[in-house]
Amino acid sequence: ILHCWYFDSPPGEIISLGVISQGDFDIPSGLIFSVPVR
């Protein structure tokens, strides 16, 4: 996670991360939820 945070994700690869929801995938905003990110 730290390496990706500082040097970006490998091309085309997604990883799972628990982040603050922004309403995507009908997940209520404000919840910490594990979702696919880059």
All heavy atoms as atom14 arrays in JSON, in Angstrom:
{
  "sequence": "ILHCWYFDSPPGEIISLGVISQGDFDIPSGLIFSVPVR",
  "atom14_mask": [
    [1, 1, 1, 1, 1, 1, 1, 1, 0, 0, 0, 0, 0, 0],
    [1, 1, 1, 1, 1, 1, 1, 1, 0, 0, 0, 0, 0, 0],
    [1, 1, 1, 1, 1, 1, 1, 1, 1, 1, 0, 0, 0, 0],
    [1, 1, 1, 1, 1, 1, 0, 0, 0, 0, 0, 0, 0, 0],
    [1, 1, 1, 1, 1, 1, 1, 1, 1, 1, 1, 1, 1, 1],
    [1, 1, 1, 1, 1, 1, 1, 1, 1, 1, 1, 1, 0, 0],
    [1, 1, 1, 1, 1, 1, 1, 1, 1, 1, 1, 0, 0, 0],
    [1, 1, 1, 1, 1, 1, 1, 1, 0, 0, 0, 0, 0, 0],
    [1, 1, 1, 1, 1, 1, 0, 0, 0, 0, 0, 0, 0, 0],
    [1, 1, 1, 1, 1, 1, 1, 0, 0, 0, 0, 0, 0, 0],
    [1, 1, 1, 1, 1, 1, 1, 0, 0, 0, 0, 0, 0, 0],
    [1, 1, 1, 1, 0, 0, 0, 0, 0, 0, 0, 0, 0, 0],
    [1, 1, 1, 1, 1, 1, 1, 1, 1, 0, 0, 0, 0, 0],
    [1, 1, 1, 1, 1, 1, 1, 1, 0, 0, 0, 0, 0, 0],
    [1, 1, 1, 1, 1, 1, 1, 1, 0, 0, 0, 0, 0, 0],
    [1, 1, 1, 1, 1, 1, 0, 0, 0, 0, 0, 0, 0, 0],
    [1, 1, 1, 1, 1, 1, 1, 1, 0, 0, 0, 0, 0, 0],
    [1, 1, 1, 1, 0, 0, 0, 0, 0, 0, 0, 0, 0, 0],
    [1, 1, 1, 1, 1, 1, 1, 0, 0, 0, 0, 0, 0, 0],
    [1, 1, 1, 1, 1, 1, 1, 1, 0, 0, 0, 0, 0, 0],
    [1, 1, 1, 1, 1, 1, 0, 0, 0, 0, 0, 0, 0, 0],
    [1, 1, 1, 1, 1, 1, 1, 1, 1, 0, 0, 0, 0, 0],
    [1, 1, 1, 1, 0, 0, 0, 0, 0, 0, 0, 0, 0, 0],
    [1, 1, 1, 1, 1, 1, 1, 1, 0, 0, 0, 0, 0, 0],
    [1, 1, 1, 1, 1, 1, 1, 1, 1, 1, 1, 0, 0, 0],
    [1, 1, 1, 1, 1, 1, 1, 1, 0, 0, 0, 0, 0, 0],
    [1, 1, 1, 1, 1, 1, 1, 1, 0, 0, 0, 0, 0, 0],
    [1, 1, 1, 1, 1, 1, 1, 0, 0, 0, 0, 0, 0, 0],
    [1, 1, 1, 1, 1, 1, 0, 0, 0, 0, 0, 0, 0, 0],
    [1, 1, 1, 1, 0, 0, 0, 0, 0, 0, 0, 0, 0, 0],
    [1, 1, 1, 1, 1, 1, 1, 1, 0, 0, 0, 0, 0, 0],
    [1, 1, 1, 1, 1, 1, 1, 1, 0, 0, 0, 0, 0, 0],
    [1, 1, 1, 1, 1, 1, 1, 1, 1, 1, 1, 0, 0, 0],
    [1, 1, 1, 1, 1, 1, 0, 0, 0, 0, 0, 0, 0, 0],
    [1, 1, 1, 1, 1, 1, 1, 0, 0, 0, 0, 0, 0, 0],
    [1, 1, 1, 1, 1, 1, 1, 0, 0, 0, 0, 0, 0, 0],
    [1, 1, 1, 1, 1, 1, 1, 0, 0, 0, 0, 0, 0, 0],
    [1, 1, 1, 1, 1, 1, 1, 1, 1, 1, 1, 0, 0, 0]
  ],
  "atom14_positions": [
    [[0.83, -1.2, 0.0], [0.0, 0.0, 0.0], [0.87, 1.26, 0.0], [0.64, 2.2, -0.77], [-0.95, 0.01, 1.22], [-1.94, -1.15, 1.16], [-1.7, 1.34, 1.3], [-2.83, -1.15, -0.06], [0.0, 0.0, 0.0], [0.0, 0.0, 0.0], [0.0, 0.0, 0.0], [0.0, 0.0, 0.0], [0.0, 0.0, 0.0], [0.0, 0.0, 0.0]],
    [[1.9, 1.3, 0.84], [2.76, 2.48, 0.92], [3.49, 2.71, -0.4], [3.6, 3.86, -0.87], [3.77, 2.31, 2.05], [3.27, 2.63, 3.46], [4.31, 2.26, 4.49], [2.9, 4.1, 3.59], [0.0, 0.0, 0.0], [0.0, 0.0, 0.0], [0.0, 0.0, 0.0], [0.0, 0.0, 0.0], [0.0, 0.0, 0.0], [0.0, 0.0, 0.0]],
    [[4.0, 1.66, -0.99], [4.73, 1.82, -2.25], [3.81, 2.37, -3.34], [4.19, 3.26, -4.1], [5.34, 0.49, -2.68], [6.32, 0.63, -3.81], [5.94, 0.58, -5.13], [7.67, 0.85, -3.81], [7.0, 0.74, -5.9], [8.07, 0.91, -5.13], [0.0, 0.0, 0.0], [0.0, 0.0, 0.0], [0.0, 0.0, 0.0], [0.0, 0.0, 0.0]],
    [[2.58, 1.84, -3.4], [1.62, 2.35, -4.39], [1.23, 3.8, -4.09], [1.07, 4.61, -5.02], [0.37, 1.47, -4.41], [0.61, -0.18, -5.09], [0.0, 0.0, 0.0], [0.0, 0.0, 0.0], [0.0, 0.0, 0.0], [0.0, 0.0, 0.0], [0.0, 0.0, 0.0], [0.0, 0.0, 0.0], [0.0, 0.0, 0.0], [0.0, 0.0, 0.0]],
    [[1.11, 4.13, -2.82], [0.7, 5.48, -2.43], [1.74, 6.51, -2.88], [1.41, 7.64, -3.26], [0.52, 5.55, -0.92], [-0.53, 6.53, -0.47], [-0.99, 7.61, -1.15], [-1.25, 6.51, 0.77], [-1.94, 8.27, -0.41], [-2.13, 7.62, 0.77], [-1.24, 5.67, 1.88], [-2.98, 7.91, 1.83], [-2.09, 5.96, 2.94], [-2.95, 7.06, 2.92]],
    [[3.01, 6.13, -2.84], [4.07, 7.06, -3.21], [4.49, 6.96, -4.67], [4.98, 7.93, -5.25], [5.29, 6.84, -2.3], [5.17, 7.56, -0.98], [4.46, 6.99, 0.08], [5.7, 8.82, -0.78], [4.32, 7.64, 1.29], [5.57, 9.49, 0.42], [4.87, 8.9, 1.45], [4.72, 9.56, 2.65], [0.0, 0.0, 0.0], [0.0, 0.0, 0.0]],
    [[4.31, 5.78, -5.28], [4.8, 5.59, -6.65], [3.73, 5.1, -7.62], [4.05, 4.69, -8.73], [5.98, 4.61, -6.65], [7.17, 5.12, -5.9], [7.44, 4.68, -4.61], [8.01, 6.05, -6.46], [8.54, 5.15, -3.91], [9.12, 6.53, -5.77], [9.38, 6.08, -4.49], [0.0, 0.0, 0.0], [0.0, 0.0, 0.0], [0.0, 0.0, 0.0]],
    [[2.45, 5.14, -7.21], [1.31, 4.76, -8.05], [1.19, 3.24, -8.19], [2.17, 2.5, -8.05], [1.37, 5.4, -9.43], [1.27, 6.92, -9.38], [0.93, 7.45, -8.31], [1.54, 7.57, -10.41], [0.0, 0.0, 0.0], [0.0, 0.0, 0.0], [0.0, 0.0, 0.0], [0.0, 0.0, 0.0], [0.0, 0.0, 0.0], [0.0, 0.0, 0.0]],
    [[-0.03, 2.81, -8.5], [-0.3, 1.39, -8.71], [0.37, 0.9, -9.99], [0.55, 1.68, -10.93], [-1.81, 1.15, -8.81], [-2.47, 1.5, -7.62], [0.0, 0.0, 0.0], [0.0, 0.0, 0.0], [0.0, 0.0, 0.0], [0.0, 0.0, 0.0], [0.0, 0.0, 0.0], [0.0, 0.0, 0.0], [0.0, 0.0, 0.0], [0.0, 0.0, 0.0]],
    [[0.71, -0.39, -10.04], [1.22, -0.94, -11.3], [0.18, -0.76, -12.41], [-1.02, -0.77, -12.14], [1.44, -2.43, -10.98], [1.58, -2.47, -9.49], [0.7, -1.39, -8.95], [0.0, 0.0, 0.0], [0.0, 0.0, 0.0], [0.0, 0.0, 0.0], [0.0, 0.0, 0.0], [0.0, 0.0, 0.0], [0.0, 0.0, 0.0], [0.0, 0.0, 0.0]],
    [[0.61, -0.57, -13.64], [-0.33, -0.33, -14.75], [-1.42, -1.4, -14.83], [-1.12, -2.59, -14.85], [0.57, -0.37, -15.98], [1.93, 0.0, -15.48], [2.02, -0.56, -14.09], [0.0, 0.0, 0.0], [0.0, 0.0, 0.0], [0.0, 0.0, 0.0], [0.0, 0.0, 0.0], [0.0, 0.0, 0.0], [0.0, 0.0, 0.0], [0.0, 0.0, 0.0]],
    [[-2.67, -0.95, -14.84], [-3.8, -1.84, -15.03], [-4.2, -2.67, -13.83], [-5.18, -3.42, -13.87], [0.0, 0.0, 0.0], [0.0, 0.0, 0.0], [0.0, 0.0, 0.0], [0.0, 0.0, 0.0], [0.0, 0.0, 0.0], [0.0, 0.0, 0.0], [0.0, 0.0, 0.0], [0.0, 0.0, 0.0], [0.0, 0.0, 0.0], [0.0, 0.0, 0.0]],
    [[-3.47, -2.54, -12.7], [-3.76, -3.4, -11.54], [-4.57, -2.64, -10.5], [-4.28, -1.48, -10.18], [-2.45, -3.89, -10.91], [-2.67, -4.89, -9.77], [-1.36, -5.44, -9.23], [-0.35, -5.4, -9.96], [-1.34, -5.89, -8.06], [0.0, 0.0, 0.0], [0.0, 0.0, 0.0], [0.0, 0.0, 0.0], [0.0, 0.0, 0.0], [0.0, 0.0, 0.0]],
    [[-5.59, -3.29, -9.97], [-6.38, -2.72, -8.89], [-6.06, -3.45, -7.6], [-5.63, -4.61, -7.61], [-7.9, -2.79, -9.18], [-8.35, -4.24, -9.37], [-8.28, -1.95, -10.37], [-9.85, -4.4, -9.51], [0.0, 0.0, 0.0], [0.0, 0.0, 0.0], [0.0, 0.0, 0.0], [0.0, 0.0, 0.0], [0.0, 0.0, 0.0], [0.0, 0.0, 0.0]],
    [[-6.22, -2.75, -6.49], [-6.04, -3.37, -5.18], [-7.22, -2.99, -4.31], [-7.94, -2.04, -4.59], [-4.72, -2.93, -4.52], [-4.68, -1.41, -4.37], [-3.53, -3.41, -5.31], [-3.43, -0.93, -3.63], [0.0, 0.0, 0.0], [0.0, 0.0, 0.0], [0.0, 0.0, 0.0], [0.0, 0.0, 0.0], [0.0, 0.0, 0.0], [0.0, 0.0, 0.0]],
    [[-7.42, -3.75, -3.26], [-8.51, -3.48, -2.33], [-8.0, -2.6, -1.19], [-6.89, -2.8, -0.71], [-9.07, -4.79, -1.77], [-9.47, -5.65, -2.81], [0.0, 0.0, 0.0], [0.0, 0.0, 0.0], [0.0, 0.0, 0.0], [0.0, 0.0, 0.0], [0.0, 0.0, 0.0], [0.0, 0.0, 0.0], [0.0, 0.0, 0.0], [0.0, 0.0, 0.0]],
    [[-8.83, -1.66, -0.76], [-8.42, -0.73, 0.28], [-9.65, -0.22, 1.02], [-10.66, 0.11, 0.41], [-7.66, 0.44, -0.33], [-6.9, 1.37, 0.64], [-5.74, 0.61, 1.27], [-6.38, 2.6, -0.08], [0.0, 0.0, 0.0], [0.0, 0.0, 0.0], [0.0, 0.0, 0.0], [0.0, 0.0, 0.0], [0.0, 0.0, 0.0], [0.0, 0.0, 0.0]],
    [[-9.54, -0.16, 2.35], [-10.62, 0.4, 3.16], [-10.51, 1.92, 3.18], [-9.59, 2.47, 3.78], [0.0, 0.0, 0.0], [0.0, 0.0, 0.0], [0.0, 0.0, 0.0], [0.0, 0.0, 0.0], [0.0, 0.0, 0.0], [0.0, 0.0, 0.0], [0.0, 0.0, 0.0], [0.0, 0.0, 0.0], [0.0, 0.0, 0.0], [0.0, 0.0, 0.0]],
    [[-11.47, 2.59, 2.53], [-11.43, 4.05, 2.43], [-12.81, 4.63, 2.73], [-13.81, 3.91, 2.83], [-10.99, 4.49, 1.01], [-9.59, 3.97, 0.7], [-11.98, 4.0, -0.05], [0.0, 0.0, 0.0], [0.0, 0.0, 0.0], [0.0, 0.0, 0.0], [0.0, 0.0, 0.0], [0.0, 0.0, 0.0], [0.0, 0.0, 0.0], [0.0, 0.0, 0.0]],
    [[-12.85, 5.94, 2.85], [-14.12, 6.62, 3.12], [-14.99, 6.56, 1.87], [-14.56, 6.93, 0.78], [-13.87, 8.08, 3.56], [-15.17, 8.75, 3.97], [-13.15, 8.88, 2.51], [-15.38, 8.83, 5.42], [0.0, 0.0, 0.0], [0.0, 0.0, 0.0], [0.0, 0.0, 0.0], [0.0, 0.0, 0.0], [0.0, 0.0, 0.0], [0.0, 0.0, 0.0]],
    [[-16.2, 6.05, 2.04], [-17.1, 5.88, 0.89], [-17.56, 7.24, 0.38], [-17.83, 8.17, 1.14], [-18.31, 5.05, 1.29], [-19.27, 5.04, 0.24], [0.0, 0.0, 0.0], [0.0, 0.0, 0.0], [0.0, 0.0, 0.0], [0.0, 0.0, 0.0], [0.0, 0.0, 0.0], [0.0, 0.0, 0.0], [0.0, 0.0, 0.0], [0.0, 0.0, 0.0]],
    [[-17.65, 7.32, -0.94], [-18.13, 8.53, -1.61], [-19.44, 8.26, -2.34], [-19.83, 9.03, -3.23], [-17.05, 9.04, -2.56], [-15.75, 9.37, -1.83], [-14.59, 9.66, -2.78], [-14.73, 9.59, -4.0], [-13.43, 9.97, -2.21], [0.0, 0.0, 0.0], [0.0, 0.0, 0.0], [0.0, 0.0, 0.0], [0.0, 0.0, 0.0], [0.0, 0.0, 0.0]],
    [[-20.12, 7.16, -1.95], [-21.41, 6.83, -2.56], [-21.33, 5.88, -3.74], [-22.38, 5.5, -4.29], [0.0, 0.0, 0.0], [0.0, 0.0, 0.0], [0.0, 0.0, 0.0], [0.0, 0.0, 0.0], [0.0, 0.0, 0.0], [0.0, 0.0, 0.0], [0.0, 0.0, 0.0], [0.0, 0.0, 0.0], [0.0, 0.0, 0.0], [0.0, 0.0, 0.0]],
    [[-20.12, 5.5, -4.15], [-19.99, 4.57, -5.27], [-20.53, 3.19, -4.88], [-20.48, 2.79, -3.71], [-18.51, 4.44, -5.67], [-17.92, 5.78, -6.09], [-18.3, 6.27, -7.17], [-17.1, 6.33, -5.33], [0.0, 0.0, 0.0], [0.0, 0.0, 0.0], [0.0, 0.0, 0.0], [0.0, 0.0, 0.0], [0.0, 0.0, 0.0], [0.0, 0.0, 0.0]],
    [[-21.03, 2.47, -5.89], [-21.57, 1.12, -5.72], [-22.74, 1.1, -4.73], [-23.01, 0.09, -4.08], [-20.48, 0.14, -5.24], [-19.24, 0.16, -6.08], [-18.04, 0.67, -5.59], [-19.25, -0.31, -7.39], [-16.89, 0.69, -6.36], [-18.1, -0.28, -8.18], [-16.92, 0.22, -7.67], [0.0, 0.0, 0.0], [0.0, 0.0, 0.0], [0.0, 0.0, 0.0]],
    [[-23.42, 2.23, -4.57], [-24.56, 2.38, -3.65], [-24.17, 2.15, -2.19], [-25.01, 1.85, -1.35], [-25.69, 1.41, -4.04], [-26.31, 1.75, -5.38], [-26.25, 2.94, -5.77], [-26.85, 0.85, -6.04], [0.0, 0.0, 0.0], [0.0, 0.0, 0.0], [0.0, 0.0, 0.0], [0.0, 0.0, 0.0], [0.0, 0.0, 0.0], [0.0, 0.0, 0.0]],
    [[-22.9, 2.31, -1.88], [-22.44, 2.23, -0.49], [-22.65, 3.6, 0.14], [-22.24, 4.62, -0.42], [-20.95, 1.85, -0.43], [-20.72, 0.48, -1.08], [-20.46, 1.82, 1.02], [-19.26, 0.17, -1.33], [0.0, 0.0, 0.0], [0.0, 0.0, 0.0], [0.0, 0.0, 0.0], [0.0, 0.0, 0.0], [0.0, 0.0, 0.0], [0.0, 0.0, 0.0]],
    [[-23.32, 3.68, 1.3], [-23.6, 4.99, 1.91], [-22.33, 5.82, 2.11], [-21.3, 5.31, 2.57], [-24.24, 4.61, 3.26], [-24.81, 3.26, 3.03], [-23.89, 2.57, 2.09], [0.0, 0.0, 0.0], [0.0, 0.0, 0.0], [0.0, 0.0, 0.0], [0.0, 0.0, 0.0], [0.0, 0.0, 0.0], [0.0, 0.0, 0.0], [0.0, 0.0, 0.0]],
    [[-22.41, 7.08, 1.77], [-21.26, 7.98, 1.95], [-20.9, 8.1, 3.42], [-21.77, 8.1, 4.29], [-21.59, 9.37, 1.38], [-21.82, 9.3, 0.0], [0.0, 0.0, 0.0], [0.0, 0.0, 0.0], [0.0, 0.0, 0.0], [0.0, 0.0, 0.0], [0.0, 0.0, 0.0], [0.0, 0.0, 0.0], [0.0, 0.0, 0.0], [0.0, 0.0, 0.0]],
    [[-19.62, 8.2, 3.69], [-19.16, 8.4, 5.06], [-18.72, 7.15, 5.76], [-18.02, 7.22, 6.77], [0.0, 0.0, 0.0], [0.0, 0.0, 0.0], [0.0, 0.0, 0.0], [0.0, 0.0, 0.0], [0.0, 0.0, 0.0], [0.0, 0.0, 0.0], [0.0, 0.0, 0.0], [0.0, 0.0, 0.0], [0.0, 0.0, 0.0], [0.0, 0.0, 0.0]],
    [[-19.12, 5.97, 5.26], [-18.67, 4.73, 5.86], [-17.26, 4.39, 5.37], [-16.9, 4.69, 4.24], [-19.6, 3.57, 5.49], [-21.02, 3.57, 6.07], [-21.78, 2.35, 5.58], [-20.99, 3.6, 7.59], [0.0, 0.0, 0.0], [0.0, 0.0, 0.0], [0.0, 0.0, 0.0], [0.0, 0.0, 0.0], [0.0, 0.0, 0.0], [0.0, 0.0, 0.0]],
    [[-16.47, 3.77, 6.24], [-15.2, 3.2, 5.79], [-15.51, 1.82, 5.21], [-16.09, 0.98, 5.88], [-14.2, 3.07, 6.95], [-13.95, 4.44, 7.59], [-12.9, 2.46, 6.45], [-13.27, 5.44, 6.68], [0.0, 0.0, 0.0], [0.0, 0.0, 0.0], [0.0, 0.0, 0.0], [0.0, 0.0, 0.0], [0.0, 0.0, 0.0], [0.0, 0.0, 0.0]],
    [[-15.14, 1.6, 3.96], [-15.56, 0.39, 3.25], [-14.42, -0.06, 2.34], [-13.77, 0.77, 1.69], [-16.8, 0.69, 2.4], [-17.71, -0.48, 2.2], [-18.78, -0.69, 3.05], [-17.51, -1.37, 1.15], [-19.65, -1.77, 2.87], [-18.36, -2.44, 0.95], [-19.44, -2.64, 1.81], [0.0, 0.0, 0.0], [0.0, 0.0, 0.0], [0.0, 0.0, 0.0]],
    [[-14.14, -1.35, 2.3], [-13.11, -1.87, 1.42], [-13.65, -1.97, 0.0], [-14.66, -2.64, -0.25], [-12.64, -3.25, 1.89], [-11.63, -3.75, 1.03], [0.0, 0.0, 0.0], [0.0, 0.0, 0.0], [0.0, 0.0, 0.0], [0.0, 0.0, 0.0], [0.0, 0.0, 0.0], [0.0, 0.0, 0.0], [0.0, 0.0, 0.0], [0.0, 0.0, 0.0]],
    [[-12.99, -1.3, -0.92], [-13.43, -1.23, -2.32], [-12.2, -1.33, -3.23], [-11.07, -1.18, -2.77], [-14.18, 0.1, -2.61], [-15.47, 0.17, -1.83], [-13.28, 1.29, -2.28], [0.0, 0.0, 0.0], [0.0, 0.0, 0.0], [0.0, 0.0, 0.0], [0.0, 0.0, 0.0], [0.0, 0.0, 0.0], [0.0, 0.0, 0.0], [0.0, 0.0, 0.0]],
    [[-12.41, -1.58, -4.53], [-11.27, -1.59, -5.46], [-10.79, -0.18, -5.77], [-11.6, 0.71, -6.07], [-11.84, -2.28, -6.7], [-13.31, -2.02, -6.64], [-13.67, -2.0, -5.19], [0.0, 0.0, 0.0], [0.0, 0.0, 0.0], [0.0, 0.0, 0.0], [0.0, 0.0, 0.0], [0.0, 0.0, 0.0], [0.0, 0.0, 0.0], [0.0, 0.0, 0.0]],
    [[-9.48, 0.04, -5.67], [-8.92, 1.36, -5.94], [-7.66, 1.23, -6.78], [-7.1, 0.14, -6.93], [-8.57, 2.12, -4.62], [-9.75, 2.19, -3.69], [-7.36, 1.49, -3.94], [0.0, 0.0, 0.0], [0.0, 0.0, 0.0], [0.0, 0.0, 0.0], [0.0, 0.0, 0.0], [0.0, 0.0, 0.0], [0.0, 0.0, 0.0], [0.0, 0.0, 0.0]],
    [[-7.22, 2.36, -7.31], [-5.9, 2.51, -7.88], [-5.28, 3.77, -7.29], [-6.0, 4.72, -6.97], [-5.96, 2.63, -9.41], [-6.13, 1.32, -10.14], [-6.13, 1.5, -11.65], [-5.0, 2.3, -12.12], [-3.75, 1.84, -12.27], [-3.5, 0.57, -11.98], [-2.8, 2.63, -12.71], [0.0, 0.0, 0.0], [0.0, 0.0, 0.0], [0.0, 0.0, 0.0]]
  ]
}
